[in-house]
N, C-alpha and C. Protein backbone atom coordinates (compact mmCIF):
# COMPACT_ATOMS: atom_id res chain seq x y z
N UNK A 1 -9.87 -34.25 6.37
CA UNK A 1 -8.78 -33.63 7.10
C UNK A 1 -7.79 -32.97 6.13
N UNK A 2 -7.54 -33.65 5.03
CA UNK A 2 -6.61 -33.11 4.04
C UNK A 2 -7.14 -31.80 3.46
N UNK A 3 -8.43 -31.76 3.17
CA UNK A 3 -9.04 -30.55 2.64
C UNK A 3 -8.95 -29.39 3.62
N UNK A 4 -9.11 -29.68 4.89
CA UNK A 4 -9.01 -28.65 5.92
C UNK A 4 -7.60 -28.08 5.96
N UNK A 5 -6.60 -28.93 5.87
CA UNK A 5 -5.21 -28.47 5.89
C UNK A 5 -4.91 -27.63 4.65
N UNK A 6 -5.38 -28.06 3.52
CA UNK A 6 -5.18 -27.29 2.29
C UNK A 6 -5.87 -25.93 2.38
N UNK A 7 -7.08 -25.93 2.89
CA UNK A 7 -7.82 -24.68 3.06
C UNK A 7 -7.06 -23.73 3.97
N UNK A 8 -6.58 -24.22 5.10
CA UNK A 8 -5.83 -23.38 6.04
C UNK A 8 -4.56 -22.84 5.40
N UNK A 9 -3.87 -23.66 4.65
CA UNK A 9 -2.65 -23.23 3.97
C UNK A 9 -2.95 -22.12 2.98
N UNK A 10 -3.97 -22.29 2.17
CA UNK A 10 -4.35 -21.27 1.19
C UNK A 10 -4.77 -19.99 1.89
N UNK A 11 -5.51 -20.09 2.96
CA UNK A 11 -5.94 -18.92 3.71
C UNK A 11 -4.75 -18.16 4.28
N UNK A 12 -3.82 -18.87 4.86
CA UNK A 12 -2.63 -18.23 5.43
C UNK A 12 -1.80 -17.56 4.35
N UNK A 13 -1.65 -18.22 3.22
CA UNK A 13 -0.89 -17.63 2.11
C UNK A 13 -1.57 -16.38 1.57
N UNK A 14 -2.87 -16.42 1.44
CA UNK A 14 -3.57 -15.25 0.90
C UNK A 14 -3.51 -14.07 1.85
N UNK A 15 -3.56 -14.33 3.13
CA UNK A 15 -3.47 -13.24 4.11
C UNK A 15 -2.07 -12.68 4.15
N UNK A 16 -1.08 -13.54 4.12
CA UNK A 16 0.30 -13.07 4.24
C UNK A 16 0.78 -12.33 3.00
N UNK A 17 0.20 -12.63 1.84
CA UNK A 17 0.63 -11.96 0.62
C UNK A 17 -0.35 -10.91 0.13
N UNK A 18 -1.31 -10.55 0.95
CA UNK A 18 -2.33 -9.58 0.55
C UNK A 18 -1.70 -8.21 0.33
N UNK A 19 -1.65 -7.78 -0.88
CA UNK A 19 -1.19 -6.46 -1.30
C UNK A 19 0.14 -6.06 -0.67
N UNK A 20 1.03 -6.99 -0.53
CA UNK A 20 2.35 -6.67 -0.02
C UNK A 20 3.34 -6.49 -1.16
N UNK A 21 2.90 -6.76 -2.35
CA UNK A 21 3.79 -6.67 -3.49
C UNK A 21 3.21 -5.68 -4.48
N UNK A 22 4.08 -4.99 -5.19
CA UNK A 22 3.58 -4.03 -6.18
C UNK A 22 2.93 -4.74 -7.35
N UNK A 23 2.12 -4.01 -8.04
CA UNK A 23 1.53 -4.51 -9.28
C UNK A 23 2.07 -3.66 -10.42
N UNK A 24 1.86 -4.07 -11.64
CA UNK A 24 2.35 -3.26 -12.77
C UNK A 24 1.72 -1.86 -12.81
N UNK A 25 0.66 -1.65 -12.05
CA UNK A 25 -0.02 -0.35 -12.07
C UNK A 25 0.74 0.73 -11.33
N UNK A 26 1.49 0.38 -10.31
CA UNK A 26 2.15 1.38 -9.48
C UNK A 26 3.55 1.69 -9.99
N UNK A 27 3.98 2.91 -9.78
CA UNK A 27 5.36 3.28 -10.14
C UNK A 27 6.35 2.70 -9.15
N UNK A 28 5.98 2.68 -7.88
CA UNK A 28 6.83 2.07 -6.85
C UNK A 28 6.76 0.56 -7.00
N UNK A 29 7.89 -0.07 -7.20
CA UNK A 29 7.92 -1.52 -7.43
C UNK A 29 8.62 -2.28 -6.30
N UNK A 30 8.69 -1.68 -5.12
CA UNK A 30 9.29 -2.33 -3.96
C UNK A 30 8.22 -3.09 -3.19
N UNK A 31 8.62 -4.19 -2.55
CA UNK A 31 7.69 -4.88 -1.66
C UNK A 31 7.57 -4.07 -0.38
N UNK A 32 6.55 -4.36 0.39
CA UNK A 32 6.35 -3.66 1.66
C UNK A 32 7.54 -3.88 2.58
N UNK A 33 8.07 -5.08 2.58
CA UNK A 33 9.24 -5.36 3.42
C UNK A 33 10.44 -4.51 3.00
N UNK A 34 10.66 -4.35 1.70
CA UNK A 34 11.76 -3.51 1.22
C UNK A 34 11.54 -2.05 1.62
N UNK A 35 10.29 -1.61 1.56
CA UNK A 35 9.99 -0.23 1.95
C UNK A 35 10.24 -0.05 3.44
N UNK A 36 9.86 -1.03 4.24
CA UNK A 36 10.10 -0.94 5.68
C UNK A 36 11.59 -0.89 6.00
N UNK A 37 12.39 -1.57 5.22
CA UNK A 37 13.85 -1.55 5.45
C UNK A 37 14.46 -0.19 5.11
N UNK A 38 13.76 0.62 4.33
CA UNK A 38 14.23 1.95 3.96
C UNK A 38 13.85 3.02 4.99
N UNK A 39 13.17 2.63 6.03
CA UNK A 39 12.70 3.58 7.04
C UNK A 39 13.80 3.87 8.07
N UNK A 40 13.59 4.90 8.86
CA UNK A 40 14.59 5.31 9.85
C UNK A 40 14.58 4.43 11.09
N UNK A 41 13.59 3.59 11.24
CA UNK A 41 13.50 2.71 12.39
C UNK A 41 13.84 1.28 11.99
N UNK A 42 14.14 0.46 12.98
CA UNK A 42 14.44 -0.94 12.74
C UNK A 42 13.14 -1.69 12.43
N UNK A 43 13.22 -2.68 11.58
CA UNK A 43 12.02 -3.42 11.15
C UNK A 43 11.36 -4.17 12.30
N UNK A 44 12.09 -4.37 13.40
CA UNK A 44 11.54 -5.08 14.56
C UNK A 44 10.85 -4.16 15.56
N UNK A 45 10.91 -2.86 15.35
CA UNK A 45 10.27 -1.92 16.27
C UNK A 45 8.75 -1.96 16.09
N UNK A 46 8.01 -1.63 17.15
CA UNK A 46 6.54 -1.67 17.08
C UNK A 46 5.94 -0.77 15.99
N UNK A 47 6.58 0.34 15.70
CA UNK A 47 6.06 1.25 14.68
C UNK A 47 6.05 0.58 13.29
N UNK A 48 6.90 -0.42 13.12
CA UNK A 48 7.01 -1.12 11.85
C UNK A 48 5.69 -1.77 11.45
N UNK A 49 4.97 -2.32 12.41
CA UNK A 49 3.70 -2.97 12.09
C UNK A 49 2.67 -1.96 11.60
N UNK A 50 2.60 -0.82 12.26
CA UNK A 50 1.66 0.22 11.84
C UNK A 50 2.04 0.74 10.45
N UNK A 51 3.33 0.93 10.22
CA UNK A 51 3.80 1.38 8.92
C UNK A 51 3.49 0.36 7.83
N UNK A 52 3.62 -0.91 8.15
CA UNK A 52 3.32 -1.97 7.19
C UNK A 52 1.88 -1.86 6.70
N UNK A 53 0.95 -1.65 7.63
CA UNK A 53 -0.46 -1.54 7.25
C UNK A 53 -0.70 -0.29 6.40
N UNK A 54 -0.02 0.78 6.72
CA UNK A 54 -0.17 2.01 5.94
C UNK A 54 0.32 1.78 4.51
N UNK A 55 1.49 1.15 4.36
CA UNK A 55 2.03 0.91 3.02
C UNK A 55 1.15 -0.06 2.22
N UNK A 56 0.62 -1.08 2.88
CA UNK A 56 -0.29 -2.00 2.19
C UNK A 56 -1.53 -1.26 1.71
N UNK A 57 -2.08 -0.40 2.57
CA UNK A 57 -3.26 0.37 2.18
C UNK A 57 -2.94 1.35 1.05
N UNK A 58 -1.74 1.92 1.09
CA UNK A 58 -1.35 2.84 0.01
C UNK A 58 -1.30 2.09 -1.33
N UNK A 59 -0.69 0.91 -1.33
CA UNK A 59 -0.66 0.11 -2.56
C UNK A 59 -2.07 -0.22 -3.04
N UNK A 60 -2.93 -0.60 -2.12
CA UNK A 60 -4.30 -0.95 -2.48
C UNK A 60 -5.03 0.23 -3.11
N UNK A 61 -4.92 1.39 -2.47
CA UNK A 61 -5.59 2.58 -3.01
C UNK A 61 -4.99 2.99 -4.35
N UNK A 62 -3.67 2.93 -4.47
CA UNK A 62 -3.04 3.28 -5.75
C UNK A 62 -3.51 2.36 -6.86
N UNK A 63 -3.63 1.09 -6.58
CA UNK A 63 -4.10 0.16 -7.61
C UNK A 63 -5.50 0.51 -8.07
N UNK A 64 -6.37 0.86 -7.13
CA UNK A 64 -7.72 1.28 -7.52
C UNK A 64 -7.66 2.56 -8.35
N UNK A 65 -6.86 3.51 -7.93
CA UNK A 65 -6.77 4.79 -8.64
C UNK A 65 -6.29 4.58 -10.07
N UNK A 66 -5.26 3.76 -10.25
CA UNK A 66 -4.73 3.52 -11.59
C UNK A 66 -5.68 2.72 -12.46
N UNK A 67 -6.44 1.81 -11.88
CA UNK A 67 -7.29 0.93 -12.66
C UNK A 67 -8.64 1.54 -13.02
N UNK A 68 -9.14 2.43 -12.17
CA UNK A 68 -10.47 2.99 -12.42
C UNK A 68 -10.44 4.03 -13.52
N UNK A 69 -11.53 4.12 -14.22
CA UNK A 69 -11.72 5.12 -15.25
C UNK A 69 -11.64 6.50 -14.62
N UNK A 70 -11.11 7.46 -15.35
CA UNK A 70 -10.94 8.83 -14.84
C UNK A 70 -12.27 9.45 -14.40
N UNK A 71 -13.37 9.04 -14.99
CA UNK A 71 -14.68 9.60 -14.66
C UNK A 71 -15.45 8.78 -13.63
N UNK A 72 -14.86 7.71 -13.15
CA UNK A 72 -15.55 6.85 -12.18
C UNK A 72 -15.71 7.60 -10.86
N UNK A 73 -16.94 7.64 -10.32
CA UNK A 73 -17.17 8.38 -9.08
C UNK A 73 -16.42 7.80 -7.88
N UNK A 74 -16.17 6.50 -7.88
CA UNK A 74 -15.47 5.91 -6.75
C UNK A 74 -13.98 6.24 -6.75
N UNK A 75 -13.47 6.73 -7.87
CA UNK A 75 -12.05 7.11 -7.93
C UNK A 75 -11.75 8.24 -6.96
N UNK A 76 -12.66 9.17 -6.81
CA UNK A 76 -12.47 10.29 -5.87
C UNK A 76 -12.34 9.76 -4.45
N UNK A 77 -13.15 8.78 -4.11
CA UNK A 77 -13.09 8.18 -2.77
C UNK A 77 -11.72 7.53 -2.53
N UNK A 78 -11.19 6.85 -3.53
CA UNK A 78 -9.89 6.20 -3.39
C UNK A 78 -8.77 7.24 -3.30
N UNK A 79 -8.91 8.34 -4.02
CA UNK A 79 -7.92 9.42 -3.91
C UNK A 79 -7.94 10.01 -2.51
N UNK A 80 -9.13 10.21 -1.95
CA UNK A 80 -9.23 10.73 -0.59
C UNK A 80 -8.64 9.75 0.42
N UNK A 81 -8.90 8.46 0.23
CA UNK A 81 -8.33 7.45 1.12
C UNK A 81 -6.81 7.42 1.02
N UNK A 82 -6.30 7.59 -0.19
CA UNK A 82 -4.85 7.64 -0.38
C UNK A 82 -4.27 8.85 0.35
N UNK A 83 -4.94 9.98 0.25
CA UNK A 83 -4.48 11.18 0.95
C UNK A 83 -4.48 10.96 2.46
N UNK A 84 -5.48 10.27 2.99
CA UNK A 84 -5.51 9.96 4.42
C UNK A 84 -4.32 9.09 4.81
N UNK A 85 -3.99 8.11 3.98
CA UNK A 85 -2.83 7.26 4.25
C UNK A 85 -1.54 8.07 4.20
N UNK A 86 -1.46 9.01 3.26
CA UNK A 86 -0.28 9.89 3.21
C UNK A 86 -0.16 10.71 4.49
N UNK A 87 -1.29 11.23 4.97
CA UNK A 87 -1.27 12.00 6.22
C UNK A 87 -0.82 11.14 7.39
N UNK A 88 -1.31 9.89 7.43
CA UNK A 88 -0.88 8.99 8.51
C UNK A 88 0.61 8.70 8.40
N UNK A 89 1.09 8.49 7.19
CA UNK A 89 2.52 8.23 6.99
C UNK A 89 3.36 9.43 7.39
N UNK A 90 2.89 10.62 7.04
CA UNK A 90 3.62 11.84 7.42
C UNK A 90 3.62 12.05 8.93
N UNK A 91 2.53 11.68 9.59
CA UNK A 91 2.48 11.84 11.05
C UNK A 91 3.46 10.89 11.74
N UNK A 92 3.80 9.78 11.09
CA UNK A 92 4.78 8.84 11.64
C UNK A 92 6.20 9.12 11.11
N UNK A 93 6.34 10.17 10.31
CA UNK A 93 7.62 10.54 9.70
C UNK A 93 8.21 9.40 8.87
N UNK A 94 7.35 8.75 8.08
CA UNK A 94 7.81 7.66 7.24
C UNK A 94 8.47 8.20 5.98
N UNK A 95 9.45 7.49 5.48
CA UNK A 95 10.13 7.82 4.24
C UNK A 95 9.24 7.39 3.09
N UNK A 96 8.74 8.35 2.33
CA UNK A 96 7.84 8.06 1.21
C UNK A 96 8.47 8.33 -0.14
N UNK A 97 9.79 8.51 -0.17
CA UNK A 97 10.46 8.88 -1.41
C UNK A 97 10.23 7.86 -2.53
N UNK A 98 10.08 6.60 -2.18
CA UNK A 98 9.86 5.57 -3.21
C UNK A 98 8.49 5.68 -3.86
N UNK A 99 7.58 6.40 -3.23
CA UNK A 99 6.24 6.60 -3.77
C UNK A 99 6.10 7.95 -4.48
N UNK A 100 7.19 8.69 -4.64
CA UNK A 100 7.08 10.07 -5.13
C UNK A 100 6.40 10.16 -6.48
N UNK A 101 6.71 9.27 -7.41
CA UNK A 101 6.07 9.32 -8.73
C UNK A 101 4.57 9.06 -8.62
N UNK A 102 4.19 8.13 -7.75
CA UNK A 102 2.76 7.85 -7.54
C UNK A 102 2.07 9.03 -6.86
N UNK A 103 2.73 9.62 -5.88
CA UNK A 103 2.16 10.79 -5.19
C UNK A 103 1.97 11.94 -6.16
N UNK A 104 2.96 12.17 -7.03
CA UNK A 104 2.84 13.23 -8.03
C UNK A 104 1.68 12.96 -8.98
N UNK A 105 1.52 11.71 -9.39
CA UNK A 105 0.41 11.36 -10.29
C UNK A 105 -0.94 11.67 -9.64
N UNK A 106 -1.11 11.25 -8.38
CA UNK A 106 -2.37 11.47 -7.68
C UNK A 106 -2.58 12.97 -7.44
N UNK A 107 -1.52 13.69 -7.15
CA UNK A 107 -1.63 15.14 -6.95
C UNK A 107 -2.09 15.83 -8.22
N UNK A 108 -1.61 15.38 -9.37
CA UNK A 108 -2.03 15.97 -10.64
C UNK A 108 -3.49 15.67 -10.95
N UNK A 109 -4.02 14.58 -10.43
CA UNK A 109 -5.43 14.27 -10.63
C UNK A 109 -6.33 15.25 -9.88
N UNK A 110 -5.84 15.77 -8.76
CA UNK A 110 -6.63 16.68 -7.94
C UNK A 110 -6.64 18.10 -8.50
N UNK A 111 -5.77 18.41 -9.44
CA UNK A 111 -5.69 19.78 -9.96
C UNK A 111 -6.67 20.01 -11.06
């Protein structure tokens, strides 16, 4: 029983902290919650949940982009996925100013 409780606790912690925090790889060093507080909507509004997933995915893709070798074929896929997340964020009119340095870096990779 004790092992089951420990397992559940670890599982809940890993899910709740999954890519919600920046890594040394990204220029944006805000947590997802801090980014959500910078948006034009209240953090309790339904759009906040969708935005949270977009920001988590953006962090995940950025980490892959920064960590992968410049010649790695999968890097292009992560850049495309990041662009899709940017399009989704723009369609929701999300404030992306905190990601500007990261966006500029990825844009320079495409040139």
